[in-house]
Amino acid sequence: MSFPNIPNVTPSIDINREDVINLLLASVAFEELGLAHFINAEAEKIQAVVGTLPENTNVAATNIDDLITINETVNRTLKTALKTQMLLQFKMEDILDADNGNGENGNGTV
């Protein structure tokens, strides 16, 4: 068995500082959008269990233990989403600081 031949790839990416900052901010926005969908799914999970989803007329929870179990899983998921949200906030603040020329070494470079 031989090793595969991998071509020497040397991509040249030519973007300026403003483009980099815009791309980083867009990445934060997309992560926020993903979290919003994630949180909405958890809300729909609770609605499905209590029978308040418009498309679902069946109540999935038949006793209080089922409701408590779903509540605990949703709570854990939302805690994780909150932690991610905090990290995204730090990331966005760092990007905006770099955009204002407040980088690590004081001259606008990070």
Protein backbone atom coordinates (compact mmCIF):
# COMPACT_ATOMS: atom_id res chain seq x y z
CA MET A 1 0.00 0.00 0.00
CA SER A 2 1.42 3.37 -0.96
CA PHE A 3 0.75 6.85 0.27
CA PRO A 4 -1.46 9.07 -1.88
CA ASN A 5 0.15 11.85 -3.84
CA ILE A 6 -1.08 15.18 -2.58
CA PRO A 7 -0.39 18.16 -4.82
CA ASN A 8 1.42 21.16 -3.40
CA VAL A 9 -1.38 23.65 -2.84
CA THR A 10 -0.38 27.21 -2.14
CA PRO A 11 -3.55 29.30 -2.22
CA SER A 12 -3.24 33.03 -2.38
CA ILE A 13 -5.98 34.81 -0.49
CA ASP A 14 -6.02 38.54 -0.93
CA ILE A 15 -8.40 40.29 1.44
CA ASN A 16 -7.93 43.46 3.41
CA ARG A 17 -8.46 44.15 7.11
CA GLU A 18 -12.00 45.47 6.60
CA ASP A 19 -12.98 42.29 4.72
CA VAL A 20 -11.52 40.13 7.48
CA ILE A 21 -13.47 42.00 10.16
CA ASN A 22 -16.67 41.76 8.12
CA LEU A 23 -16.17 38.01 7.63
CA LEU A 24 -15.55 37.51 11.35
CA LEU A 25 -18.68 39.48 12.25
CA ALA A 26 -20.66 37.46 9.71
CA SER A 27 -19.40 34.25 11.33
CA VAL A 28 -20.67 35.47 14.71
CA ALA A 29 -24.02 36.35 13.13
CA PHE A 30 -24.37 32.89 11.60
CA GLU A 31 -23.53 31.24 14.91
CA GLU A 32 -26.17 33.43 16.59
CA LEU A 33 -28.69 32.37 13.95
CA GLY A 34 -27.87 28.73 14.62
CA LEU A 35 -28.40 29.26 18.34
CA ALA A 36 -31.74 30.95 17.65
CA HIS A 37 -32.89 27.89 15.71
CA PHE A 38 -31.62 25.64 18.49
CA ILE A 39 -33.53 27.60 21.16
CA ASN A 40 -36.67 27.63 19.00
CA ALA A 41 -36.47 23.84 18.70
CA GLU A 42 -36.38 23.57 22.49
CA ALA A 43 -39.44 25.80 22.76
CA GLU A 44 -41.25 23.61 20.24
CA LYS A 45 -40.25 20.54 22.26
CA ILE A 46 -42.00 21.97 25.31
CA GLN A 47 -45.02 22.97 23.22
CA ALA A 48 -45.23 19.45 21.81
CA VAL A 49 -45.11 17.91 25.28
CA VAL A 50 -47.85 20.13 26.69
CA GLY A 51 -49.93 19.93 23.50
CA THR A 52 -49.86 23.58 22.44
CA LEU A 53 -48.24 23.17 19.03
CA PRO A 54 -50.78 24.12 16.34
CA GLU A 55 -50.05 21.03 14.22
CA ASN A 56 -50.10 18.64 17.17
CA THR A 57 -53.26 18.08 19.17
CA ASN A 58 -51.92 15.11 21.17
CA VAL A 59 -50.40 15.82 24.56
CA ALA A 60 -47.18 13.82 24.80
CA ALA A 61 -46.75 14.13 28.57
CA THR A 62 -49.11 11.90 30.48
CA ASN A 63 -47.87 12.71 33.99
CA ILE A 64 -45.87 15.25 35.96
CA ASP A 65 -42.71 13.11 35.82
CA ASP A 66 -42.69 13.39 32.02
CA LEU A 67 -42.99 17.17 32.27
CA ILE A 68 -40.18 17.38 34.80
CA THR A 69 -37.90 15.21 32.65
CA ILE A 70 -38.50 17.35 29.56
CA ASN A 71 -38.02 20.52 31.61
CA GLU A 72 -34.66 19.25 32.90
CA THR A 73 -33.39 18.35 29.42
CA VAL A 74 -34.49 21.70 28.02
CA ASN A 75 -32.86 23.46 30.97
CA ARG A 76 -29.53 21.69 30.32
CA THR A 77 -29.71 22.52 26.62
CA LEU A 78 -30.45 26.19 27.29
CA LYS A 79 -27.55 26.39 29.75
CA THR A 80 -25.25 25.11 27.02
CA ALA A 81 -26.70 27.64 24.57
CA LEU A 82 -26.11 30.41 27.11
CA LYS A 83 -22.46 29.40 27.49
CA THR A 84 -22.05 29.52 23.73
CA GLN A 85 -23.76 32.92 23.66
CA MET A 86 -21.26 34.26 26.19
CA LEU A 87 -18.32 33.03 24.10
CA LEU A 88 -19.82 34.67 21.01
CA GLN A 89 -20.17 37.93 22.94
CA PHE A 90 -16.46 37.81 23.82
CA LYS A 91 -15.60 37.01 20.21
CA MET A 92 -17.66 39.92 18.92
CA GLU A 93 -16.14 42.34 21.44
CA ASP A 94 -12.64 41.27 20.38
CA ILE A 95 -13.52 41.76 16.72
CA LEU A 96 -14.96 45.21 17.37
CA ASP A 97 -11.91 46.16 19.45
CA ALA A 98 -9.66 45.11 16.57
CA ASP A 99 -11.82 47.14 14.19
CA ASN A 100 -11.36 50.24 16.36
CA GLY A 101 -7.59 49.83 16.34
CA ASN A 102 -7.39 48.56 19.93
CA GLY A 103 -5.49 45.37 19.15
CA GLU A 104 -3.19 43.59 21.57
CA ASN A 105 -0.09 45.61 20.79
CA GLY A 106 -1.83 48.98 20.68
CA ASN A 107 -1.13 49.81 17.04
CA GLY A 108 -4.24 48.26 15.56
CA THR A 109 -2.83 44.82 14.79
CA VAL A 110 -4.01 41.76 16.60
